Amino acid sequence: MIFSVCIIPLGFGAGMPVPVLMLLSLVVLYRKG
């Protein structure tokens, strides 16, 4: 999640919105528990 947040400001260089989708996915996994 931290990695995903950190690459968001890279915009297109991070494939935006890929890092946001990654963050959401990892939050889903965390919450599933």
Full PDB file with SEQRES, HELIX, SHEET, SSBOND, CRYST1, ORIGX, SCALE, CONECT and MASTER records, all heavy atoms in Angstrom:
SEQRES   1 A   33  MET ILE PHE SER VAL CYS ILE ILE PRO LEU GLY PHE GLY          
SEQRES   2 A   33  ALA GLY MET PRO VAL PRO VAL LEU MET LEU LEU SER LEU          
SEQRES   3 A   33  VAL VAL LEU TYR ARG LYS GLY                                  
HELIX    1 AA1 ILE A    2  ILE A    7  1                                   6    
HELIX    2 AA2 ILE A    8  ALA A   14  5                                   7    
HELIX    3 AA3 VAL A   18  LYS A   32  1                                  15    
CRYST1    1.000    1.000    1.000  90.00  90.00  90.00 P 1           1          
ORIGX1      1.000000  0.000000  0.000000        0.00000                         
ORIGX2      0.000000  1.000000  0.000000        0.00000                         
ORIGX3      0.000000  0.000000  1.000000        0.00000                         
SCALE1      1.000000  0.000000  0.000000        0.00000                         
SCALE2      0.000000  1.000000  0.000000        0.00000                         
SCALE3      0.000000  0.000000  1.000000        0.00000                         
ATOM      1  N   MET A   1       0.838  -1.209   0.000  1.00  0.00           N  
ATOM      2  CA  MET A   1       0.000   0.000   0.000  1.00  0.00           C  
ATOM      3  C   MET A   1       0.873   1.259   0.000  1.00  0.00           C  
ATOM      4  O   MET A   1       0.606   2.210  -0.745  1.00  0.00           O  
ATOM      5  CB  MET A   1      -0.927   0.005   1.214  1.00  0.00           C  
ATOM      6  CG  MET A   1      -2.051  -0.996   1.138  1.00  0.00           C  
ATOM      7  SD  MET A   1      -3.105  -0.846   2.610  1.00  0.00           S  
ATOM      8  CE  MET A   1      -3.087  -2.521   3.197  1.00  0.00           C  
ATOM      9  N   ILE A   2       1.907   1.251   0.830  1.00  0.00           N  
ATOM     10  CA  ILE A   2       2.820   2.407   0.890  1.00  0.00           C  
ATOM     11  C   ILE A   2       3.493   2.606  -0.464  1.00  0.00           C  
ATOM     12  O   ILE A   2       3.580   3.731  -0.975  1.00  0.00           O  
ATOM     13  CB  ILE A   2       3.854   2.237   2.029  1.00  0.00           C  
ATOM     14  CG1 ILE A   2       3.153   2.309   3.390  1.00  0.00           C  
ATOM     15  CG2 ILE A   2       4.969   3.279   1.912  1.00  0.00           C  
ATOM     16  CD1 ILE A   2       4.015   1.885   4.568  1.00  0.00           C  
ATOM     17  N   PHE A   3       3.958   1.521  -1.054  1.00  0.00           N  
ATOM     18  CA  PHE A   3       4.582   1.599  -2.378  1.00  0.00           C  
ATOM     19  C   PHE A   3       3.611   2.217  -3.385  1.00  0.00           C  
ATOM     20  O   PHE A   3       3.975   3.118  -4.149  1.00  0.00           O  
ATOM     21  CB  PHE A   3       5.021   0.204  -2.839  1.00  0.00           C  
ATOM     22  CG  PHE A   3       5.563   0.185  -4.243  1.00  0.00           C  
ATOM     23  CD1 PHE A   3       6.866   0.556  -4.497  1.00  0.00           C  
ATOM     24  CD2 PHE A   3       4.758  -0.197  -5.299  1.00  0.00           C  
ATOM     25  CE1 PHE A   3       7.367   0.553  -5.791  1.00  0.00           C  
ATOM     26  CE2 PHE A   3       5.243  -0.199  -6.599  1.00  0.00           C  
ATOM     27  CZ  PHE A   3       6.554   0.180  -6.847  1.00  0.00           C  
ATOM     28  N   SER A   4       2.363   1.750  -3.380  1.00  0.00           N  
ATOM     29  CA  SER A   4       1.354   2.249  -4.319  1.00  0.00           C  
ATOM     30  C   SER A   4       1.129   3.745  -4.148  1.00  0.00           C  
ATOM     31  O   SER A   4       1.075   4.487  -5.133  1.00  0.00           O  
ATOM     32  CB  SER A   4       0.029   1.500  -4.133  1.00  0.00           C  
ATOM     33  OG  SER A   4       0.200   0.125  -4.380  1.00  0.00           O  
ATOM     34  N   VAL A   5       0.999   4.192  -2.907  1.00  0.00           N  
ATOM     35  CA  VAL A   5       0.797   5.617  -2.635  1.00  0.00           C  
ATOM     36  C   VAL A   5       1.995   6.422  -3.119  1.00  0.00           C  
ATOM     37  O   VAL A   5       1.842   7.494  -3.716  1.00  0.00           O  
ATOM     38  CB  VAL A   5       0.518   5.860  -1.133  1.00  0.00           C  
ATOM     39  CG1 VAL A   5       0.591   7.339  -0.791  1.00  0.00           C  
ATOM     40  CG2 VAL A   5      -0.837   5.282  -0.737  1.00  0.00           C  
ATOM     41  N   CYS A   6       3.189   5.889  -2.906  1.00  0.00           N  
ATOM     42  CA  CYS A   6       4.408   6.624  -3.276  1.00  0.00           C  
ATOM     43  C   CYS A   6       4.582   6.792  -4.775  1.00  0.00           C  
ATOM     44  O   CYS A   6       5.237   7.738  -5.219  1.00  0.00           O  
ATOM     45  CB  CYS A   6       5.639   5.941  -2.686  1.00  0.00           C  
ATOM     46  SG  CYS A   6       5.759   6.124  -0.898  1.00  0.00           S  
ATOM     47  N   ILE A   7       4.019   5.876  -5.576  1.00  0.00           N  
ATOM     48  CA  ILE A   7       4.203   6.013  -7.026  1.00  0.00           C  
ATOM     49  C   ILE A   7       3.047   6.757  -7.698  1.00  0.00           C  
ATOM     50  O   ILE A   7       3.147   7.081  -8.882  1.00  0.00           O  
ATOM     51  CB  ILE A   7       4.467   4.657  -7.714  1.00  0.00           C  
ATOM     52  CG1 ILE A   7       3.273   3.714  -7.610  1.00  0.00           C  
ATOM     53  CG2 ILE A   7       5.757   4.033  -7.185  1.00  0.00           C  
ATOM     54  CD1 ILE A   7       3.412   2.453  -8.455  1.00  0.00           C  
ATOM     55  N   ILE A   8       1.993   7.063  -6.972  1.00  0.00           N  
ATOM     56  CA  ILE A   8       0.879   7.816  -7.563  1.00  0.00           C  
ATOM     57  C   ILE A   8       1.360   9.124  -8.197  1.00  0.00           C  
ATOM     58  O   ILE A   8       0.971   9.435  -9.324  1.00  0.00           O  
ATOM     59  CB  ILE A   8      -0.256   8.043  -6.537  1.00  0.00           C  
ATOM     60  CG1 ILE A   8      -1.006   6.725  -6.274  1.00  0.00           C  
ATOM     61  CG2 ILE A   8      -1.220   9.136  -7.018  1.00  0.00           C  
ATOM     62  CD1 ILE A   8      -2.017   6.787  -5.141  1.00  0.00           C  
ATOM     63  N   PRO A   9       2.236   9.910  -7.530  1.00  0.00           N  
ATOM     64  CA  PRO A   9       2.677  11.174  -8.144  1.00  0.00           C  
ATOM     65  C   PRO A   9       3.525  11.004  -9.408  1.00  0.00           C  
ATOM     66  O   PRO A   9       3.845  11.995 -10.062  1.00  0.00           O  
ATOM     67  CB  PRO A   9       3.490  11.853  -7.031  1.00  0.00           C  
ATOM     68  CG  PRO A   9       2.971  11.263  -5.773  1.00  0.00           C  
ATOM     69  CD  PRO A   9       2.667   9.842  -6.128  1.00  0.00           C  
ATOM     70  N   LEU A  10       3.875   9.776  -9.768  1.00  0.00           N  
ATOM     71  CA  LEU A  10       4.590   9.565 -11.026  1.00  0.00           C  
ATOM     72  C   LEU A  10       3.628   9.604 -12.215  1.00  0.00           C  
ATOM     73  O   LEU A  10       4.062   9.530 -13.368  1.00  0.00           O  
ATOM     74  CB  LEU A  10       5.368   8.250 -11.000  1.00  0.00           C  
ATOM     75  CG  LEU A  10       6.540   8.212 -10.030  1.00  0.00           C  
ATOM     76  CD1 LEU A  10       7.157   6.825  -9.983  1.00  0.00           C  
ATOM     77  CD2 LEU A  10       7.583   9.264 -10.380  1.00  0.00           C  
ATOM     78  N   GLY A  11       2.334   9.709 -11.922  1.00  0.00           N  
ATOM     79  CA  GLY A  11       1.322   9.863 -12.965  1.00  0.00           C  
ATOM     80  C   GLY A  11       1.396   8.787 -14.020  1.00  0.00           C  
ATOM     81  O   GLY A  11       1.400   7.594 -13.729  1.00  0.00           O  
ATOM     82  N   PHE A  12       1.474   9.218 -15.276  1.00  0.00           N  
ATOM     83  CA  PHE A  12       1.536   8.263 -16.381  1.00  0.00           C  
ATOM     84  C   PHE A  12       2.738   7.334 -16.260  1.00  0.00           C  
ATOM     85  O   PHE A  12       2.680   6.175 -16.666  1.00  0.00           O  
ATOM     86  CB  PHE A  12       1.585   9.000 -17.730  1.00  0.00           C  
ATOM     87  CG  PHE A  12       1.834   8.066 -18.864  1.00  0.00           C  
ATOM     88  CD1 PHE A  12       0.820   7.269 -19.349  1.00  0.00           C  
ATOM     89  CD2 PHE A  12       3.096   7.947 -19.415  1.00  0.00           C  
ATOM     90  CE1 PHE A  12       1.058   6.371 -20.376  1.00  0.00           C  
ATOM     91  CE2 PHE A  12       3.345   7.062 -20.444  1.00  0.00           C  
ATOM     92  CZ  PHE A  12       2.320   6.273 -20.924  1.00  0.00           C  
ATOM     93  N   GLY A  13       3.823   7.815 -15.661  1.00  0.00           N  
ATOM     94  CA  GLY A  13       5.016   6.986 -15.469  1.00  0.00           C  
ATOM     95  C   GLY A  13       4.741   5.757 -14.613  1.00  0.00           C  
ATOM     96  O   GLY A  13       5.451   4.763 -14.702  1.00  0.00           O  
ATOM     97  N   ALA A  14       3.702   5.813 -13.804  1.00  0.00           N  
ATOM     98  CA  ALA A  14       3.291   4.667 -12.990  1.00  0.00           C  
ATOM     99  C   ALA A  14       2.055   3.986 -13.584  1.00  0.00           C  
ATOM    100  O   ALA A  14       1.458   3.120 -12.961  1.00  0.00           O  
ATOM    101  CB  ALA A  14       2.993   5.122 -11.561  1.00  0.00           C  
ATOM    102  N   GLY A  15       1.668   4.426 -14.792  1.00  0.00           N  
ATOM    103  CA  GLY A  15       0.517   3.819 -15.456  1.00  0.00           C  
ATOM    104  C   GLY A  15      -0.818   4.295 -14.913  1.00  0.00           C  
ATOM    105  O   GLY A  15      -1.818   3.609 -15.056  1.00  0.00           O  
ATOM    106  N   MET A  16      -0.842   5.440 -14.305  1.00  0.00           N  
ATOM    107  CA  MET A  16      -2.056   5.956 -13.691  1.00  0.00           C  
ATOM    108  C   MET A  16      -3.286   5.583 -14.492  1.00  0.00           C  
ATOM    109  O   MET A  16      -3.270   5.744 -15.702  1.00  0.00           O  
ATOM    110  CB  MET A  16      -1.934   7.470 -13.539  1.00  0.00           C  
ATOM    111  CG  MET A  16      -2.982   8.046 -12.643  1.00  0.00           C  
ATOM    112  SD  MET A  16      -2.948   7.283 -11.031  1.00  0.00           S  
ATOM    113  CE  MET A  16      -2.612   8.660 -10.001  1.00  0.00           C  
ATOM    114  N   PRO A  17      -4.282   4.985 -13.915  1.00  0.00           N  
ATOM    115  CA  PRO A  17      -4.604   4.826 -12.493  1.00  0.00           C  
ATOM    116  C   PRO A  17      -4.151   3.505 -11.856  1.00  0.00           C  
ATOM    117  O   PRO A  17      -4.659   3.111 -10.815  1.00  0.00           O  
ATOM    118  CB  PRO A  17      -6.136   4.925 -12.488  1.00  0.00           C  
ATOM    119  CG  PRO A  17      -6.546   4.287 -13.772  1.00  0.00           C  
ATOM    120  CD  PRO A  17      -5.464   4.670 -14.756  1.00  0.00           C  
ATOM    121  N   VAL A  18      -3.177   2.819 -12.454  1.00  0.00           N  
ATOM    122  CA  VAL A  18      -2.703   1.541 -11.906  1.00  0.00           C  
ATOM    123  C   VAL A  18      -2.386   1.618 -10.412  1.00  0.00           C  
ATOM    124  O   VAL A  18      -2.850   0.769  -9.646  1.00  0.00           O  
ATOM    125  CB  VAL A  18      -1.502   0.985 -12.712  1.00  0.00           C  
ATOM    126  CG1 VAL A  18      -0.834  -0.172 -11.985  1.00  0.00           C  
ATOM    127  CG2 VAL A  18      -1.945   0.547 -14.091  1.00  0.00           C  
ATOM    128  N   PRO A  19      -1.605   2.585  -9.929  1.00  0.00           N  
ATOM    129  CA  PRO A  19      -1.284   2.579  -8.500  1.00  0.00           C  
ATOM    130  C   PRO A  19      -2.516   2.745  -7.603  1.00  0.00           C  
ATOM    131  O   PRO A  19      -2.563   2.192  -6.508  1.00  0.00           O  
ATOM    132  CB  PRO A  19      -0.298   3.725  -8.311  1.00  0.00           C  
ATOM    133  CG  PRO A  19      -0.324   4.510  -9.564  1.00  0.00           C  
ATOM    134  CD  PRO A  19      -0.903   3.662 -10.639  1.00  0.00           C  
ATOM    135  N   VAL A  20      -3.513   3.472  -8.078  1.00  0.00           N  
ATOM    136  CA  VAL A  20      -4.750   3.619  -7.300  1.00  0.00           C  
ATOM    137  C   VAL A  20      -5.492   2.283  -7.254  1.00  0.00           C  
ATOM    138  O   VAL A  20      -5.994   1.870  -6.200  1.00  0.00           O  
ATOM    139  CB  VAL A  20      -5.645   4.740  -7.877  1.00  0.00           C  
ATOM    140  CG1 VAL A  20      -6.989   4.799  -7.165  1.00  0.00           C  
ATOM    141  CG2 VAL A  20      -4.929   6.083  -7.810  1.00  0.00           C  
ATOM    142  N   LEU A  21      -5.541   1.595  -8.380  1.00  0.00           N  
ATOM    143  CA  LEU A  21      -6.183   0.268  -8.424  1.00  0.00           C  
ATOM    144  C   LEU A  21      -5.414  -0.733  -7.560  1.00  0.00           C  
ATOM    145  O   LEU A  21      -6.021  -1.576  -6.886  1.00  0.00           O  
ATOM    146  CB  LEU A  21      -6.286  -0.219  -9.870  1.00  0.00           C  
ATOM    147  CG  LEU A  21      -7.191   0.611 -10.777  1.00  0.00           C  
ATOM    148  CD1 LEU A  21      -7.033   0.190 -12.233  1.00  0.00           C  
ATOM    149  CD2 LEU A  21      -8.643   0.502 -10.326  1.00  0.00           C  
ATOM    150  N   MET A  22      -4.081  -0.642  -7.577  1.00  0.00           N  
ATOM    151  CA  MET A  22      -3.273  -1.513  -6.709  1.00  0.00           C  
ATOM    152  C   MET A  22      -3.588  -1.242  -5.248  1.00  0.00           C  
ATOM    153  O   MET A  22      -3.771  -2.184  -4.460  1.00  0.00           O  
ATOM    154  CB  MET A  22      -1.778  -1.267  -6.953  1.00  0.00           C  
ATOM    155  CG  MET A  22      -1.242  -1.821  -8.240  1.00  0.00           C  
ATOM    156  SD  MET A  22       0.497  -1.352  -8.540  1.00  0.00           S  
ATOM    157  CE  MET A  22       1.322  -1.861  -7.049  1.00  0.00           C  
ATOM    158  N   LEU A  23      -3.641   0.027  -4.899  1.00  0.00           N  
ATOM    159  CA  LEU A  23      -3.934   0.406  -3.518  1.00  0.00           C  
ATOM    160  C   LEU A  23      -5.290  -0.148  -3.091  1.00  0.00           C  
ATOM    161  O   LEU A  23      -5.408  -0.758  -2.018  1.00  0.00           O  
ATOM    162  CB  LEU A  23      -3.898   1.928  -3.372  1.00  0.00           C  
ATOM    163  CG  LEU A  23      -4.243   2.492  -2.000  1.00  0.00           C  
ATOM    164  CD1 LEU A  23      -3.274   1.993  -0.939  1.00  0.00           C  
ATOM    165  CD2 LEU A  23      -4.249   4.021  -2.050  1.00  0.00           C  
ATOM    166  N   LEU A  24      -6.304   0.033  -3.915  1.00  0.00           N  
ATOM    167  CA  LEU A  24      -7.632  -0.497  -3.593  1.00  0.00           C  
ATOM    168  C   LEU A  24      -7.597  -2.016  -3.433  1.00  0.00           C  
ATOM    169  O   LEU A  24      -8.200  -2.571  -2.506  1.00  0.00           O  
ATOM    170  CB  LEU A  24      -8.638  -0.104  -4.677  1.00  0.00           C  
ATOM    171  CG  LEU A  24      -9.002   1.364  -4.765  1.00  0.00           C  
ATOM    172  CD1 LEU A  24      -9.856   1.623  -6.012  1.00  0.00           C  
ATOM    173  CD2 LEU A  24      -9.733   1.819  -3.514  1.00  0.00           C  
ATOM    174  N   SER A  25      -6.899  -2.691  -4.325  1.00  0.00           N  
ATOM    175  CA  SER A  25      -6.797  -4.154  -4.270  1.00  0.00           C  
ATOM    176  C   SER A  25      -6.128  -4.620  -2.981  1.00  0.00           C  
ATOM    177  O   SER A  25      -6.586  -5.568  -2.334  1.00  0.00           O  
ATOM    178  CB  SER A  25      -5.991  -4.674  -5.462  1.00  0.00           C  
ATOM    179  OG  SER A  25      -6.592  -4.315  -6.674  1.00  0.00           O  
ATOM    180  N   LEU A  26      -5.044  -3.958  -2.613  1.00  0.00           N  
ATOM    181  CA  LEU A  26      -4.321  -4.343  -1.402  1.00  0.00           C  
ATOM    182  C   LEU A  26      -5.138  -4.042  -0.146  1.00  0.00           C  
ATOM    183  O   LEU A  26      -5.095  -4.809   0.827  1.00  0.00           O  
ATOM    184  CB  LEU A  26      -2.953  -3.657  -1.365  1.00  0.00           C  
ATOM    185  CG  LEU A  26      -1.992  -4.120  -2.468  1.00  0.00           C  
ATOM    186  CD1 LEU A  26      -0.824  -3.162  -2.604  1.00  0.00           C  
ATOM    187  CD2 LEU A  26      -1.521  -5.543  -2.217  1.00  0.00           C  
ATOM    188  N   VAL A  27      -5.901  -2.957  -0.171  1.00  0.00           N  
ATOM    189  CA  VAL A  27      -6.803  -2.660   0.949  1.00  0.00           C  
ATOM    190  C   VAL A  27      -7.866  -3.750   1.055  1.00  0.00           C  
ATOM    191  O   VAL A  27      -8.183  -4.211   2.161  1.00  0.00           O  
ATOM    192  CB  VAL A  27      -7.443  -1.258   0.797  1.00  0.00           C  
ATOM    193  CG1 VAL A  27      -8.596  -1.060   1.772  1.00  0.00           C  
ATOM    194  CG2 VAL A  27      -6.390  -0.169   0.983  1.00  0.00           C  
ATOM    195  N   VAL A  28      -8.398  -4.180  -0.077  1.00  0.00           N  
ATOM    196  CA  VAL A  28      -9.385  -5.269  -0.072  1.00  0.00           C  
ATOM    197  C   VAL A  28      -8.774  -6.516   0.563  1.00  0.00           C  
ATOM    198  O   VAL A  28      -9.394  -7.150   1.420  1.00  0.00           O  
ATOM    199  CB  VAL A  28      -9.900  -5.564  -1.500  1.00  0.00           C  
ATOM    200  CG1 VAL A  28     -10.653  -6.884  -1.564  1.00  0.00           C  
ATOM    201  CG2 VAL A  28     -10.782  -4.422  -1.995  1.00  0.00           C  
ATOM    202  N   LEU A  29      -7.557  -6.873   0.161  1.00  0.00           N  
ATOM    203  CA  LEU A  29      -6.901  -8.050   0.741  1.00  0.00           C  
ATOM    204  C   LEU A  29      -6.693  -7.880   2.245  1.00  0.00           C  
ATOM    205  O   LEU A  29      -6.915  -8.815   3.018  1.00  0.00           O  
ATOM    206  CB  LEU A  29      -5.543  -8.303   0.078  1.00  0.00           C  
ATOM    207  CG  LEU A  29      -5.550  -8.932  -1.297  1.00  0.00           C  
ATOM    208  CD1 LEU A  29      -4.126  -9.082  -1.823  1.00  0.00           C  
ATOM    209  CD2 LEU A  29      -6.261 -10.268  -1.291  1.00  0.00           C  
ATOM    210  N   TYR A  30      -6.280  -6.709   2.642  1.00  0.00           N  
ATOM    211  CA  TYR A  30      -6.034  -6.435   4.064  1.00  0.00           C  
ATOM    212  C   TYR A  30      -7.327  -6.575   4.870  1.00  0.00           C  
ATOM    213  O   TYR A  30      -7.348  -7.162   5.940  1.00  0.00           O  
ATOM    214  CB  TYR A  30      -5.443  -5.036   4.232  1.00  0.00           C  
ATOM    215  CG  TYR A  30      -4.962  -4.761   5.625  1.00  0.00           C  
ATOM    216  CD1 TYR A  30      -3.658  -5.078   5.989  1.00  0.00           C  
ATOM    217  CD2 TYR A  30      -5.797  -4.194   6.582  1.00  0.00           C  
ATOM    218  CE1 TYR A  30      -3.197  -4.834   7.274  1.00  0.00           C  
ATOM    219  CE2 TYR A  30      -5.346  -3.953   7.872  1.00  0.00           C  
ATOM    220  CZ  TYR A  30      -4.047  -4.267   8.215  1.00  0.00           C  
ATOM    221  OH  TYR A  30      -3.591  -4.030   9.489  1.00  0.00           O  
ATOM    222  N   ARG A  31      -8.401  -6.033   4.320  1.00  0.00           N  
ATOM    223  CA  ARG A  31      -9.682  -6.058   5.032  1.00  0.00           C  
ATOM    224  C   ARG A  31     -10.318  -7.433   5.040  1.00  0.00           C  
ATOM    225  O   ARG A  31     -11.070  -7.745   5.958  1.00  0.00           O  
ATOM    226  CB  ARG A  31     -10.628  -5.025   4.442  1.00  0.00           C  
ATOM    227  CG  ARG A  31     -10.080  -3.603   4.666  1.00  0.00           C  
ATOM    228  CD  ARG A  31     -11.058  -2.580   4.349  1.00  0.00           C  
ATOM    229  NE  ARG A  31     -12.052  -2.571   5.422  1.00  0.00           N  
ATOM    230  CZ  ARG A  31     -13.100  -1.794   5.446  1.00  0.00           C  
ATOM    231  NH1 ARG A  31     -13.303  -0.969   4.458  1.00  0.00           N  
ATOM    232  NH2 ARG A  31     -13.953  -1.840   6.431  1.00  0.00           N  
ATOM    233  N   LYS A  32     -10.044  -8.240   4.032  1.00  0.00           N  
ATOM    234  CA  LYS A  32     -10.608  -9.600   3.988  1.00  0.00           C  
ATOM    235  C   LYS A  32     -10.161 -10.376   5.221  1.00  0.00           C  
ATOM    236  O   LYS A  32     -10.974 -10.996   5.875  1.00  0.00           O  
ATOM    237  CB  LYS A  32     -10.197 -10.335   2.713  1.00  0.00           C  
ATOM    238  CG  LYS A  32     -10.830  -9.806   1.462  1.00  0.00           C  
ATOM    239  CD  LYS A  32     -12.102 -10.516   1.167  1.00  0.00           C  
ATOM    240  CE  LYS A  32     -12.730  -9.966  -0.097  1.00  0.00           C  
ATOM    241  NZ  LYS A  32     -14.012 -10.532  -0.369  1.00  0.00           N  
ATOM    242  N   GLY A  33      -8.857 -10.351   5.468  1.00  0.00           N  
ATOM    243  CA  GLY A  33      -8.280 -10.950   6.663  1.00  0.00           C  
ATOM    244  C   GLY A  33      -8.804 -12.326   7.018  1.00  0.00           C  
ATOM    245  O   GLY A  33      -8.866 -12.681   8.182  1.00  0.00           O  
TER     246      GLY A  33                                                      
MASTER        0    0    0    3    0    0    0    6  245    1    0    3          
END                                                                             
